[in-house]
N, C-alpha and C. Protein backbone atom coordinates (compact mmCIF):
# COMPACT_ATOMS: atom_id res chain seq x y z
N MET A 1 0.83 -1.18 0.00
CA MET A 1 0.00 0.00 0.00
C MET A 1 0.86 1.24 0.00
N GLU A 2 0.37 2.28 -0.63
CA GLU A 2 1.10 3.53 -0.61
C GLU A 2 0.76 4.26 0.67
N SER A 3 1.75 4.83 1.33
CA SER A 3 1.50 5.51 2.60
C SER A 3 0.67 6.77 2.41
N ALA A 4 0.68 7.38 1.24
CA ALA A 4 -0.11 8.58 1.00
C ALA A 4 -1.60 8.27 0.99
N SER A 5 -1.99 7.03 0.62
CA SER A 5 -3.40 6.68 0.55
C SER A 5 -3.90 6.01 1.82
N GLN A 6 -3.05 5.77 2.81
CA GLN A 6 -3.46 5.12 4.05
C GLN A 6 -4.10 6.12 4.99
N ASP A 7 -5.10 5.64 5.75
CA ASP A 7 -5.71 6.45 6.79
C ASP A 7 -4.95 6.14 8.07
N ILE A 8 -4.24 7.13 8.59
CA ILE A 8 -3.40 6.91 9.77
C ILE A 8 -4.17 7.27 11.01
N ASN A 9 -4.22 6.34 11.96
CA ASN A 9 -4.89 6.56 13.23
C ASN A 9 -3.81 6.91 14.26
N LEU A 10 -3.71 8.20 14.62
CA LEU A 10 -2.67 8.63 15.55
C LEU A 10 -2.95 8.22 16.98
N ASN A 11 -4.18 7.79 17.27
CA ASN A 11 -4.54 7.37 18.62
C ASN A 11 -4.35 5.87 18.83
N SER A 12 -3.87 5.17 17.82
CA SER A 12 -3.70 3.73 17.93
C SER A 12 -2.58 3.40 18.89
N PRO A 13 -2.79 2.40 19.76
CA PRO A 13 -1.70 1.99 20.66
C PRO A 13 -0.58 1.31 19.90
N ASN A 14 -0.87 0.86 18.67
CA ASN A 14 0.14 0.18 17.87
C ASN A 14 0.80 1.12 16.88
N LYS A 15 0.66 2.44 17.07
CA LYS A 15 1.21 3.43 16.15
C LYS A 15 2.70 3.18 15.95
N GLY A 16 3.08 3.02 14.67
CA GLY A 16 4.49 2.84 14.35
C GLY A 16 4.97 1.41 14.47
N LEU A 17 4.14 0.49 14.99
CA LEU A 17 4.57 -0.89 15.17
C LEU A 17 4.07 -1.81 14.06
N LEU A 18 3.07 -1.38 13.30
CA LEU A 18 2.47 -2.24 12.28
C LEU A 18 3.15 -2.03 10.94
N SER A 19 3.14 -3.09 10.12
CA SER A 19 3.68 -2.97 8.77
C SER A 19 2.70 -2.20 7.90
N ASP A 20 3.12 -1.83 6.68
CA ASP A 20 2.26 -1.08 5.78
C ASP A 20 0.99 -1.84 5.43
N ALA A 21 1.02 -3.17 5.43
CA ALA A 21 -0.13 -3.97 5.02
C ALA A 21 -1.17 -4.10 6.13
N MET A 22 -0.82 -3.76 7.35
CA MET A 22 -1.74 -3.93 8.47
C MET A 22 -2.41 -2.60 8.81
N THR A 23 -3.66 -2.67 9.25
CA THR A 23 -4.38 -1.47 9.65
C THR A 23 -5.05 -1.71 10.98
N ASP A 24 -5.47 -0.64 11.62
CA ASP A 24 -6.20 -0.77 12.89
C ASP A 24 -7.62 -1.21 12.60
N VAL A 25 -8.12 -2.17 13.37
CA VAL A 25 -9.47 -2.68 13.21
C VAL A 25 -10.19 -2.48 14.52
N PRO A 26 -11.37 -1.86 14.50
CA PRO A 26 -12.10 -1.68 15.75
C PRO A 26 -12.54 -3.03 16.31
N VAL A 27 -12.49 -3.16 17.64
CA VAL A 27 -12.90 -4.40 18.28
C VAL A 27 -14.27 -4.17 18.88
N ASP A 28 -15.29 -4.66 18.16
CA ASP A 28 -16.67 -4.55 18.60
C ASP A 28 -17.28 -5.91 18.37
N SER A 29 -17.51 -6.67 19.44
CA SER A 29 -17.95 -8.05 19.30
C SER A 29 -19.29 -8.15 18.59
N ALA A 30 -20.21 -7.24 18.79
CA ALA A 30 -21.51 -7.30 18.13
C ALA A 30 -21.36 -7.04 16.64
N ALA A 31 -20.52 -6.09 16.25
CA ALA A 31 -20.34 -5.76 14.85
C ALA A 31 -19.57 -6.86 14.13
N SER A 32 -18.62 -7.50 14.80
CA SER A 32 -17.84 -8.53 14.13
C SER A 32 -18.59 -9.85 14.06
N ALA A 33 -19.64 -10.03 14.86
CA ALA A 33 -20.40 -11.27 14.84
C ALA A 33 -21.27 -11.35 13.59
N ARG A 34 -21.82 -10.23 13.12
CA ARG A 34 -22.64 -10.26 11.91
C ARG A 34 -21.83 -9.65 10.76
N THR A 35 -22.13 -10.12 9.58
CA THR A 35 -21.45 -9.55 8.43
C THR A 35 -22.14 -8.25 8.05
N SER A 36 -21.39 -7.31 7.56
CA SER A 36 -21.99 -6.04 7.20
C SER A 36 -22.77 -6.18 5.91
N ALA A 37 -23.83 -5.43 5.81
CA ALA A 37 -24.67 -5.46 4.62
C ALA A 37 -23.91 -4.80 3.48
N PRO A 38 -24.08 -5.32 2.27
CA PRO A 38 -23.45 -4.67 1.12
C PRO A 38 -23.97 -3.23 1.01
N GLU A 39 -23.17 -2.39 0.40
CA GLU A 39 -23.54 -0.99 0.28
C GLU A 39 -24.89 -0.86 -0.40
N GLY A 40 -25.73 0.03 0.13
CA GLY A 40 -27.03 0.29 -0.46
C GLY A 40 -28.13 -0.60 0.07
N LEU A 41 -27.81 -1.57 0.92
CA LEU A 41 -28.84 -2.45 1.48
C LEU A 41 -28.98 -2.19 2.97
N THR A 42 -30.22 -2.19 3.42
CA THR A 42 -30.45 -2.10 4.86
C THR A 42 -30.34 -3.50 5.43
N VAL A 43 -30.28 -3.58 6.75
CA VAL A 43 -30.19 -4.89 7.40
C VAL A 43 -31.44 -5.70 7.09
N ALA A 44 -32.60 -5.06 7.06
CA ALA A 44 -33.86 -5.75 6.77
C ALA A 44 -33.84 -6.30 5.34
N GLU A 45 -33.34 -5.49 4.39
CA GLU A 45 -33.27 -5.95 3.01
C GLU A 45 -32.31 -7.13 2.87
N GLU A 46 -31.20 -7.05 3.59
CA GLU A 46 -30.23 -8.15 3.55
C GLU A 46 -30.85 -9.43 4.10
N GLU A 47 -31.58 -9.32 5.21
CA GLU A 47 -32.22 -10.50 5.81
C GLU A 47 -33.26 -11.08 4.85
N GLU A 48 -34.01 -10.21 4.17
CA GLU A 48 -35.01 -10.67 3.22
C GLU A 48 -34.34 -11.41 2.05
N LEU A 49 -33.23 -10.85 1.55
CA LEU A 49 -32.51 -11.49 0.46
C LEU A 49 -31.92 -12.84 0.88
N ARG A 50 -31.41 -12.90 2.11
CA ARG A 50 -30.85 -14.17 2.61
C ARG A 50 -31.96 -15.22 2.74
N SER A 51 -33.13 -14.78 3.19
CA SER A 51 -34.26 -15.69 3.31
C SER A 51 -34.67 -16.22 1.93
N GLU A 52 -34.74 -15.31 0.96
CA GLU A 52 -35.10 -15.72 -0.40
C GLU A 52 -34.05 -16.66 -0.98
N LEU A 53 -32.78 -16.37 -0.71
CA LEU A 53 -31.69 -17.24 -1.18
C LEU A 53 -31.85 -18.65 -0.61
N ALA A 54 -32.15 -18.75 0.68
CA ALA A 54 -32.33 -20.05 1.31
C ALA A 54 -33.49 -20.81 0.66
N LYS A 55 -34.59 -20.10 0.36
CA LYS A 55 -35.74 -20.75 -0.28
C LYS A 55 -35.38 -21.25 -1.67
N VAL A 56 -34.66 -20.42 -2.43
CA VAL A 56 -34.28 -20.81 -3.79
C VAL A 56 -33.33 -22.01 -3.76
N GLU A 57 -32.38 -22.01 -2.84
CA GLU A 57 -31.46 -23.15 -2.72
C GLU A 57 -32.22 -24.41 -2.34
N GLU A 58 -33.24 -24.29 -1.48
CA GLU A 58 -34.06 -25.44 -1.10
C GLU A 58 -34.85 -25.95 -2.32
N GLU A 59 -35.39 -25.03 -3.12
CA GLU A 59 -36.12 -25.42 -4.33
C GLU A 59 -35.20 -26.14 -5.31
N ILE A 60 -33.97 -25.67 -5.44
CA ILE A 60 -33.01 -26.31 -6.34
C ILE A 60 -32.76 -27.74 -5.89
N GLY A 61 -32.59 -27.93 -4.60
CA GLY A 61 -32.40 -29.28 -4.07
C GLY A 61 -33.59 -30.18 -4.36
N THR A 62 -34.79 -29.64 -4.19
CA THR A 62 -36.00 -30.40 -4.47
C THR A 62 -36.08 -30.77 -5.95
N LEU A 63 -35.79 -29.80 -6.81
CA LEU A 63 -35.83 -30.07 -8.25
C LEU A 63 -34.81 -31.13 -8.65
N ARG A 64 -33.66 -31.12 -8.01
CA ARG A 64 -32.65 -32.15 -8.31
C ARG A 64 -33.18 -33.52 -7.94
N GLN A 65 -33.86 -33.61 -6.79
CA GLN A 65 -34.43 -34.89 -6.36
C GLN A 65 -35.51 -35.35 -7.33
N VAL A 66 -36.37 -34.43 -7.77
CA VAL A 66 -37.43 -34.77 -8.72
C VAL A 66 -36.83 -35.24 -10.03
N LEU A 67 -35.82 -34.52 -10.52
CA LEU A 67 -35.16 -34.90 -11.76
C LEU A 67 -34.55 -36.30 -11.65
N ALA A 68 -33.88 -36.58 -10.56
CA ALA A 68 -33.26 -37.90 -10.37
C ALA A 68 -34.34 -38.99 -10.38
N ALA A 69 -35.48 -38.74 -9.74
CA ALA A 69 -36.57 -39.72 -9.72
C ALA A 69 -37.13 -39.92 -11.13
N LYS A 70 -37.28 -38.84 -11.88
CA LYS A 70 -37.80 -38.95 -13.26
C LYS A 70 -36.82 -39.68 -14.16
N GLU A 71 -35.52 -39.45 -13.97
CA GLU A 71 -34.52 -40.17 -14.76
C GLU A 71 -34.55 -41.67 -14.46
N ARG A 72 -34.73 -42.02 -13.18
CA ARG A 72 -34.85 -43.44 -12.81
C ARG A 72 -36.09 -44.05 -13.47
N HIS A 73 -37.21 -43.33 -13.42
CA HIS A 73 -38.45 -43.81 -14.01
C HIS A 73 -38.30 -43.98 -15.52
N CYS A 74 -37.66 -43.03 -16.16
CA CYS A 74 -37.40 -43.10 -17.60
C CYS A 74 -36.57 -44.34 -17.93
N GLY A 75 -35.55 -44.60 -17.13
CA GLY A 75 -34.71 -45.78 -17.33
C GLY A 75 -35.50 -47.07 -17.19
N GLU A 76 -36.39 -47.10 -16.20
CA GLU A 76 -37.23 -48.29 -16.00
C GLU A 76 -38.16 -48.50 -17.20
N LEU A 77 -38.76 -47.42 -17.70
CA LEU A 77 -39.65 -47.54 -18.86
C LEU A 77 -38.89 -48.04 -20.08
N LYS A 78 -37.71 -47.51 -20.31
CA LYS A 78 -36.90 -47.95 -21.44
C LYS A 78 -36.54 -49.43 -21.31
N ARG A 79 -36.20 -49.83 -20.08
CA ARG A 79 -35.84 -51.23 -19.85
C ARG A 79 -37.04 -52.13 -20.13
N LYS A 80 -38.24 -51.73 -19.68
CA LYS A 80 -39.45 -52.53 -19.91
C LYS A 80 -39.79 -52.60 -21.39
N LEU A 81 -39.48 -51.55 -22.14
CA LEU A 81 -39.74 -51.54 -23.58
C LEU A 81 -38.64 -52.24 -24.37
N GLY A 82 -37.59 -52.65 -23.69
CA GLY A 82 -36.50 -53.34 -24.36
C GLY A 82 -35.54 -52.40 -25.08
N LEU A 83 -35.62 -51.14 -24.77
CA LEU A 83 -34.72 -50.17 -25.38
C LEU A 83 -33.40 -50.17 -24.62
N THR A 84 -32.31 -50.35 -25.35
CA THR A 84 -31.00 -50.37 -24.71
C THR A 84 -30.31 -49.04 -24.96
N PRO A 85 -29.28 -48.75 -24.19
CA PRO A 85 -28.52 -47.52 -24.44
C PRO A 85 -27.96 -47.48 -25.86
N LEU A 86 -27.67 -48.66 -26.42
CA LEU A 86 -27.15 -48.72 -27.79
C LEU A 86 -28.22 -48.25 -28.78
N ASP A 87 -29.48 -48.60 -28.53
CA ASP A 87 -30.57 -48.13 -29.39
C ASP A 87 -30.66 -46.61 -29.36
N GLY A 88 -30.53 -46.04 -28.17
CA GLY A 88 -30.56 -44.59 -28.04
C GLY A 88 -29.41 -43.94 -28.78
N LEU A 89 -28.24 -44.55 -28.68
CA LEU A 89 -27.06 -44.02 -29.37
C LEU A 89 -27.26 -44.08 -30.89
N LYS A 90 -27.79 -45.21 -31.37
CA LYS A 90 -28.06 -45.35 -32.81
C LYS A 90 -29.03 -44.27 -33.28
N GLN A 91 -30.08 -44.06 -32.50
CA GLN A 91 -31.08 -43.07 -32.86
C GLN A 91 -30.48 -41.66 -32.88
N ASN A 92 -29.66 -41.35 -31.87
CA ASN A 92 -29.01 -40.04 -31.82
C ASN A 92 -28.07 -39.83 -33.00
N LEU A 93 -27.29 -40.87 -33.34
CA LEU A 93 -26.37 -40.76 -34.46
C LEU A 93 -27.12 -40.60 -35.78
N SER A 94 -28.20 -41.35 -35.92
CA SER A 94 -29.00 -41.26 -37.14
C SER A 94 -29.59 -39.87 -37.31
N LYS A 95 -30.12 -39.33 -36.23
CA LYS A 95 -30.70 -37.99 -36.27
C LYS A 95 -29.61 -36.95 -36.56
N SER A 96 -28.46 -37.09 -35.92
CA SER A 96 -27.37 -36.14 -36.13
C SER A 96 -26.90 -36.17 -37.57
N TRP A 97 -26.78 -37.38 -38.15
CA TRP A 97 -26.33 -37.50 -39.53
C TRP A 97 -27.36 -36.86 -40.47
N HIS A 98 -28.63 -37.08 -40.18
CA HIS A 98 -29.68 -36.45 -41.00
C HIS A 98 -29.58 -34.94 -40.91
N ASP A 99 -29.37 -34.41 -39.70
CA ASP A 99 -29.24 -32.96 -39.52
C ASP A 99 -28.06 -32.42 -40.31
N VAL A 100 -26.97 -33.17 -40.35
CA VAL A 100 -25.79 -32.74 -41.11
C VAL A 100 -26.11 -32.72 -42.59
N GLN A 101 -26.80 -33.75 -43.07
CA GLN A 101 -27.09 -33.86 -44.50
C GLN A 101 -28.02 -32.76 -44.99
N VAL A 102 -28.89 -32.26 -44.15
CA VAL A 102 -29.81 -31.22 -44.60
C VAL A 102 -29.26 -29.82 -44.34
N SER A 103 -28.08 -29.73 -43.75
CA SER A 103 -27.51 -28.41 -43.49
C SER A 103 -26.99 -27.79 -44.77
N ASN A 104 -27.01 -26.47 -44.83
CA ASN A 104 -26.54 -25.74 -46.01
C ASN A 104 -25.06 -26.00 -46.26
N ALA A 105 -24.27 -26.06 -45.20
CA ALA A 105 -22.83 -26.28 -45.35
C ALA A 105 -22.56 -27.62 -46.02
N TYR A 106 -23.30 -28.65 -45.60
CA TYR A 106 -23.10 -29.98 -46.18
C TYR A 106 -23.49 -29.97 -47.66
N LYS A 107 -24.62 -29.34 -47.97
CA LYS A 107 -25.09 -29.29 -49.36
C LYS A 107 -24.08 -28.57 -50.25
N LYS A 108 -23.55 -27.44 -49.78
CA LYS A 108 -22.57 -26.70 -50.57
C LYS A 108 -21.29 -27.51 -50.75
N THR A 109 -20.84 -28.16 -49.69
CA THR A 109 -19.63 -28.98 -49.77
C THR A 109 -19.84 -30.13 -50.73
N GLN A 110 -21.00 -30.78 -50.64
CA GLN A 110 -21.30 -31.91 -51.51
C GLN A 110 -21.30 -31.45 -52.98
N GLU A 111 -21.91 -30.30 -53.24
CA GLU A 111 -21.96 -29.77 -54.62
C GLU A 111 -20.56 -29.45 -55.13
N THR A 112 -19.75 -28.82 -54.29
CA THR A 112 -18.38 -28.46 -54.69
C THR A 112 -17.55 -29.70 -54.98
N LEU A 113 -17.65 -30.70 -54.11
CA LEU A 113 -16.89 -31.94 -54.32
C LEU A 113 -17.36 -32.67 -55.56
N SER A 114 -18.66 -32.62 -55.82
CA SER A 114 -19.20 -33.27 -57.03
C SER A 114 -18.62 -32.61 -58.28
N GLN A 115 -18.61 -31.29 -58.28
CA GLN A 115 -18.04 -30.56 -59.43
C GLN A 115 -16.55 -30.86 -59.58
N ALA A 116 -15.84 -30.90 -58.46
CA ALA A 116 -14.41 -31.19 -58.50
C ALA A 116 -14.18 -32.60 -59.04
N GLY A 117 -15.03 -33.54 -58.64
CA GLY A 117 -14.90 -34.91 -59.13
C GLY A 117 -15.13 -35.00 -60.62
N GLN A 118 -16.14 -34.27 -61.11
CA GLN A 118 -16.42 -34.28 -62.55
C GLN A 118 -15.25 -33.70 -63.33
N LYS A 119 -14.70 -32.60 -62.83
CA LYS A 119 -13.57 -31.97 -63.52
C LYS A 119 -12.34 -32.87 -63.50
N THR A 120 -12.11 -33.53 -62.38
CA THR A 120 -10.97 -34.45 -62.27
C THR A 120 -11.15 -35.62 -63.22
N SER A 121 -12.37 -36.14 -63.29
CA SER A 121 -12.64 -37.25 -64.20
C SER A 121 -12.41 -36.85 -65.64
N ALA A 122 -12.88 -35.65 -66.02
CA ALA A 122 -12.67 -35.16 -67.39
C ALA A 122 -11.19 -34.98 -67.67
N ALA A 123 -10.45 -34.44 -66.72
CA ALA A 123 -9.01 -34.22 -66.91
C ALA A 123 -8.28 -35.55 -67.07
N LEU A 124 -8.62 -36.54 -66.26
CA LEU A 124 -7.97 -37.85 -66.36
C LEU A 124 -8.33 -38.53 -67.68
N SER A 125 -9.55 -38.33 -68.12
CA SER A 125 -9.97 -38.90 -69.41
C SER A 125 -9.14 -38.28 -70.54
N ASN A 126 -8.94 -36.97 -70.48
CA ASN A 126 -8.12 -36.29 -71.49
C ASN A 126 -6.68 -36.78 -71.45
N VAL A 127 -6.13 -36.96 -70.27
CA VAL A 127 -4.76 -37.46 -70.13
C VAL A 127 -4.68 -38.85 -70.73
N GLY A 128 -5.67 -39.68 -70.46
CA GLY A 128 -5.69 -41.05 -71.01
C GLY A 128 -5.74 -41.03 -72.52
N SER A 129 -6.54 -40.13 -73.08
CA SER A 129 -6.63 -40.03 -74.54
C SER A 129 -5.31 -39.60 -75.15
N VAL A 130 -4.66 -38.63 -74.53
CA VAL A 130 -3.37 -38.13 -75.03
C VAL A 130 -2.33 -39.24 -74.97
N ILE A 131 -2.29 -39.98 -73.89
CA ILE A 131 -1.31 -41.07 -73.75
C ILE A 131 -1.59 -42.14 -74.80
N SER A 132 -2.86 -42.48 -75.01
CA SER A 132 -3.20 -43.49 -76.03
C SER A 132 -2.77 -43.02 -77.41
N ARG A 133 -3.01 -41.77 -77.73
CA ARG A 133 -2.63 -41.22 -79.03
C ARG A 133 -1.11 -41.27 -79.20
N LYS A 134 -0.37 -40.85 -78.15
CA LYS A 134 1.09 -40.85 -78.24
C LYS A 134 1.63 -42.26 -78.42
N LEU A 135 1.03 -43.22 -77.70
CA LEU A 135 1.46 -44.60 -77.85
C LEU A 135 1.15 -45.10 -79.27
N GLY A 136 0.00 -44.70 -79.82
CA GLY A 136 -0.35 -45.06 -81.18
C GLY A 136 0.60 -44.47 -82.20
N ASP A 137 1.04 -43.25 -81.96
CA ASP A 137 1.99 -42.59 -82.86
C ASP A 137 3.35 -43.26 -82.81
N MET A 138 3.72 -43.81 -81.68
CA MET A 138 5.04 -44.45 -81.52
C MET A 138 5.12 -45.74 -82.29
N ARG A 139 4.03 -46.39 -82.56
CA ARG A 139 4.07 -47.69 -83.23
C ARG A 139 4.32 -47.49 -84.64
């Protein structure tokens, strides 16, 4: 800390004994027992927010329990229907592949590669014709 920005307490019994990083702290057991409210909040507002926080955290816990129960039930239904995790994976892969095939990027890439293949085929055909002609001329 810079000494110019420090608030110096000349009445401190520890005056001159503390390092630059240490400051005088008032000793008030009631004030130190509770945390101070953030700036702009009254104690009543802070208590209300803490109460709401506790309720929301409790709701989150309840929702997690409900979700876990529903996931177990879903697993039981799938097992009774004979659906295996492999079936789910196959279905997900099939859907994902379909989504890729209908995407604009896939269609453009497919069109570009098709054109490139046609051009390559034509070029190789021309090279083959030239080689055949040259071999015919050599005989």
